[in-house]
Amino acid sequence: MAQVLTISTTWGTNDPTKATIPFHLARGALQTGAEVRIVLAGDATELIRSGVANTIRGKGVPPLSEVLDFARDNKIPIHV
């Protein structure tokens, strides 16, 4: 049975930095060869609504739209 790194979050649009970090971590994990998935719960579920990612820009992390696009392009499963 393969091991999968599961990154979960409940942070939503009220804290752009914390909302972006799980996607940033998932990108880094995938780039090192790990199998990864993201789980969104609570307020975090609104992050994948159409157009929302373009409005989220945290401090010291890439824009949410960039890391979300990476997750989608690389078929990282996002569970809601």
N, C-alpha and C. Protein backbone atom coordinates (compact mmCIF):
# COMPACT_ATOMS: atom_id res chain seq x y z
N MET A 1 0.85 -1.18 0.00
CA MET A 1 0.00 0.00 0.00
C MET A 1 0.89 1.24 0.00
N ALA A 2 0.67 2.11 -0.98
CA ALA A 2 1.48 3.32 -1.09
C ALA A 2 1.12 4.31 0.01
N GLN A 3 2.11 5.05 0.45
CA GLN A 3 1.86 6.08 1.44
C GLN A 3 1.60 7.40 0.73
N VAL A 4 0.63 8.12 1.23
CA VAL A 4 0.25 9.40 0.65
C VAL A 4 0.32 10.46 1.75
N LEU A 5 1.00 11.55 1.46
CA LEU A 5 1.04 12.67 2.39
C LEU A 5 -0.28 13.43 2.25
N THR A 6 -1.03 13.51 3.33
CA THR A 6 -2.29 14.25 3.33
C THR A 6 -2.10 15.56 4.07
N ILE A 7 -2.39 16.65 3.38
CA ILE A 7 -2.29 17.98 3.97
C ILE A 7 -3.71 18.51 4.09
N SER A 8 -4.12 18.81 5.31
CA SER A 8 -5.48 19.30 5.51
C SER A 8 -5.46 20.69 6.12
N THR A 9 -6.52 21.44 5.84
CA THR A 9 -6.62 22.80 6.35
C THR A 9 -8.07 23.23 6.49
N THR A 10 -8.28 24.16 7.40
CA THR A 10 -9.59 24.79 7.54
C THR A 10 -9.48 26.30 7.33
N TRP A 11 -8.28 26.79 7.02
CA TRP A 11 -8.09 28.23 6.85
C TRP A 11 -8.66 28.68 5.52
N GLY A 12 -9.43 29.75 5.54
CA GLY A 12 -10.06 30.27 4.34
C GLY A 12 -9.57 31.67 3.99
N THR A 13 -10.43 32.43 3.37
CA THR A 13 -10.06 33.74 2.86
C THR A 13 -9.75 34.77 3.94
N ASN A 14 -10.14 34.49 5.18
CA ASN A 14 -9.88 35.45 6.26
C ASN A 14 -8.41 35.52 6.65
N ASP A 15 -7.60 34.53 6.25
CA ASP A 15 -6.15 34.57 6.47
C ASP A 15 -5.46 34.04 5.22
N PRO A 16 -5.17 34.92 4.26
CA PRO A 16 -4.61 34.51 2.98
C PRO A 16 -3.30 33.73 3.10
N THR A 17 -2.45 34.08 4.04
CA THR A 17 -1.18 33.38 4.19
C THR A 17 -1.41 31.95 4.63
N LYS A 18 -2.18 31.75 5.69
CA LYS A 18 -2.44 30.40 6.17
C LYS A 18 -3.25 29.59 5.17
N ALA A 19 -4.08 30.23 4.39
CA ALA A 19 -4.87 29.53 3.39
C ALA A 19 -4.00 28.99 2.26
N THR A 20 -2.91 29.69 1.94
CA THR A 20 -2.04 29.32 0.83
C THR A 20 -1.02 28.25 1.21
N ILE A 21 -0.59 28.23 2.45
CA ILE A 21 0.49 27.34 2.88
C ILE A 21 0.26 25.87 2.53
N PRO A 22 -0.91 25.28 2.74
CA PRO A 22 -1.08 23.86 2.39
C PRO A 22 -0.82 23.57 0.91
N PHE A 23 -1.22 24.46 0.04
CA PHE A 23 -0.99 24.27 -1.39
C PHE A 23 0.49 24.41 -1.73
N HIS A 24 1.16 25.33 -1.07
CA HIS A 24 2.60 25.52 -1.23
C HIS A 24 3.36 24.28 -0.75
N LEU A 25 2.95 23.74 0.39
CA LEU A 25 3.58 22.51 0.91
C LEU A 25 3.34 21.33 -0.02
N ALA A 26 2.14 21.23 -0.55
CA ALA A 26 1.82 20.13 -1.47
C ALA A 26 2.69 20.22 -2.72
N ARG A 27 2.90 21.41 -3.23
CA ARG A 27 3.75 21.57 -4.41
C ARG A 27 5.16 21.10 -4.11
N GLY A 28 5.70 21.54 -2.98
CA GLY A 28 7.05 21.12 -2.61
C GLY A 28 7.16 19.62 -2.40
N ALA A 29 6.16 19.02 -1.78
CA ALA A 29 6.18 17.58 -1.54
C ALA A 29 6.15 16.81 -2.86
N LEU A 30 5.30 17.25 -3.77
CA LEU A 30 5.22 16.58 -5.07
C LEU A 30 6.53 16.70 -5.82
N GLN A 31 7.16 17.86 -5.74
CA GLN A 31 8.43 18.08 -6.44
C GLN A 31 9.56 17.21 -5.88
N THR A 32 9.42 16.72 -4.66
CA THR A 32 10.42 15.82 -4.10
C THR A 32 10.10 14.35 -4.37
N GLY A 33 8.97 14.12 -5.05
CA GLY A 33 8.61 12.76 -5.41
C GLY A 33 7.56 12.12 -4.53
N ALA A 34 7.06 12.84 -3.55
CA ALA A 34 6.05 12.29 -2.66
C ALA A 34 4.68 12.29 -3.35
N GLU A 35 3.87 11.32 -2.98
CA GLU A 35 2.48 11.33 -3.42
C GLU A 35 1.72 12.15 -2.38
N VAL A 36 0.90 13.07 -2.83
CA VAL A 36 0.28 14.02 -1.91
C VAL A 36 -1.17 14.28 -2.29
N ARG A 37 -1.96 14.63 -1.29
CA ARG A 37 -3.33 15.06 -1.52
C ARG A 37 -3.64 16.18 -0.54
N ILE A 38 -4.64 16.99 -0.87
CA ILE A 38 -5.05 18.12 -0.04
C ILE A 38 -6.49 17.89 0.39
N VAL A 39 -6.77 18.15 1.66
CA VAL A 39 -8.12 18.04 2.19
C VAL A 39 -8.54 19.42 2.71
N LEU A 40 -9.65 19.93 2.18
CA LEU A 40 -10.18 21.22 2.60
C LEU A 40 -11.45 21.00 3.41
N ALA A 41 -11.53 21.67 4.54
CA ALA A 41 -12.72 21.57 5.40
C ALA A 41 -13.09 22.96 5.88
N GLY A 42 -14.32 23.11 6.30
CA GLY A 42 -14.77 24.39 6.87
C GLY A 42 -14.56 25.55 5.92
N ASP A 43 -13.97 26.62 6.43
CA ASP A 43 -13.76 27.84 5.65
C ASP A 43 -12.87 27.62 4.42
N ALA A 44 -12.01 26.62 4.46
CA ALA A 44 -11.10 26.37 3.34
C ALA A 44 -11.82 25.92 2.08
N THR A 45 -13.03 25.42 2.20
CA THR A 45 -13.74 24.94 1.02
C THR A 45 -14.04 26.05 0.02
N GLU A 46 -14.13 27.28 0.49
CA GLU A 46 -14.43 28.38 -0.43
C GLU A 46 -13.23 28.75 -1.31
N LEU A 47 -12.04 28.25 -0.98
CA LEU A 47 -10.84 28.59 -1.74
C LEU A 47 -10.88 28.09 -3.17
N ILE A 48 -11.61 27.02 -3.43
CA ILE A 48 -11.62 26.47 -4.78
C ILE A 48 -12.83 26.92 -5.59
N ARG A 49 -13.61 27.81 -5.03
CA ARG A 49 -14.72 28.39 -5.81
C ARG A 49 -14.16 29.25 -6.94
N SER A 50 -14.83 29.27 -8.03
CA SER A 50 -14.39 30.01 -9.21
C SER A 50 -14.06 31.47 -8.87
N GLY A 51 -12.86 31.90 -9.23
CA GLY A 51 -12.44 33.28 -9.06
C GLY A 51 -11.86 33.63 -7.70
N VAL A 52 -12.08 32.82 -6.68
CA VAL A 52 -11.62 33.15 -5.33
C VAL A 52 -10.09 33.14 -5.25
N ALA A 53 -9.45 32.16 -5.86
CA ALA A 53 -7.99 32.03 -5.77
C ALA A 53 -7.28 33.28 -6.29
N ASN A 54 -7.86 33.94 -7.27
CA ASN A 54 -7.24 35.15 -7.83
C ASN A 54 -7.24 36.31 -6.85
N THR A 55 -8.02 36.23 -5.79
CA THR A 55 -8.11 37.32 -4.82
C THR A 55 -7.26 37.07 -3.57
N ILE A 56 -6.61 35.89 -3.49
CA ILE A 56 -5.87 35.50 -2.28
C ILE A 56 -4.37 35.66 -2.52
N ARG A 57 -3.77 36.54 -1.74
CA ARG A 57 -2.32 36.78 -1.84
C ARG A 57 -1.79 36.95 -0.42
N GLY A 58 -1.14 35.89 0.10
CA GLY A 58 -0.58 35.94 1.45
C GLY A 58 0.78 36.60 1.46
N LYS A 59 1.35 36.72 2.64
CA LYS A 59 2.67 37.32 2.81
C LYS A 59 3.73 36.21 2.86
N GLY A 60 4.74 36.33 2.01
CA GLY A 60 5.85 35.39 2.03
C GLY A 60 5.56 34.04 1.38
N VAL A 61 4.43 33.94 0.69
CA VAL A 61 4.07 32.70 -0.02
C VAL A 61 3.63 33.08 -1.43
N PRO A 62 3.68 32.12 -2.35
CA PRO A 62 3.20 32.42 -3.70
C PRO A 62 1.71 32.74 -3.70
N PRO A 63 1.21 33.41 -4.71
CA PRO A 63 -0.24 33.65 -4.80
C PRO A 63 -0.99 32.31 -4.83
N LEU A 64 -2.15 32.27 -4.21
CA LEU A 64 -2.92 31.04 -4.18
C LEU A 64 -3.22 30.55 -5.60
N SER A 65 -3.51 31.45 -6.50
CA SER A 65 -3.83 31.03 -7.88
C SER A 65 -2.68 30.24 -8.49
N GLU A 66 -1.44 30.61 -8.19
CA GLU A 66 -0.27 29.93 -8.75
C GLU A 66 -0.16 28.49 -8.21
N VAL A 67 -0.26 28.33 -6.90
CA VAL A 67 -0.09 26.99 -6.33
C VAL A 67 -1.32 26.12 -6.55
N LEU A 68 -2.50 26.72 -6.64
CA LEU A 68 -3.71 25.96 -6.96
C LEU A 68 -3.64 25.47 -8.40
N ASP A 69 -3.19 26.33 -9.31
CA ASP A 69 -3.02 25.90 -10.71
C ASP A 69 -2.01 24.76 -10.80
N PHE A 70 -0.93 24.84 -10.02
CA PHE A 70 0.07 23.77 -10.01
C PHE A 70 -0.58 22.46 -9.55
N ALA A 71 -1.38 22.54 -8.48
CA ALA A 71 -2.04 21.33 -7.97
C ALA A 71 -2.95 20.74 -9.03
N ARG A 72 -3.72 21.56 -9.69
CA ARG A 72 -4.63 21.07 -10.73
C ARG A 72 -3.86 20.52 -11.92
N ASP A 73 -2.84 21.23 -12.37
CA ASP A 73 -2.05 20.79 -13.52
C ASP A 73 -1.34 19.46 -13.25
N ASN A 74 -0.97 19.23 -12.01
CA ASN A 74 -0.24 18.02 -11.63
C ASN A 74 -1.14 16.96 -11.00
N LYS A 75 -2.43 17.20 -11.10
CA LYS A 75 -3.44 16.24 -10.66
C LYS A 75 -3.30 15.83 -9.18
N ILE A 76 -2.94 16.81 -8.34
CA ILE A 76 -2.95 16.58 -6.91
C ILE A 76 -4.41 16.53 -6.49
N PRO A 77 -4.85 15.42 -5.90
CA PRO A 77 -6.25 15.35 -5.48
C PRO A 77 -6.57 16.39 -4.42
N ILE A 78 -7.69 17.07 -4.60
CA ILE A 78 -8.18 18.03 -3.61
C ILE A 78 -9.55 17.54 -3.15
N HIS A 79 -9.62 17.15 -1.89
CA HIS A 79 -10.85 16.63 -1.32
C HIS A 79 -11.54 17.72 -0.50
N VAL A 80 -12.85 17.84 -0.69
CA VAL A 80 -13.63 18.84 0.02
C VAL A 80 -14.67 18.14 0.85
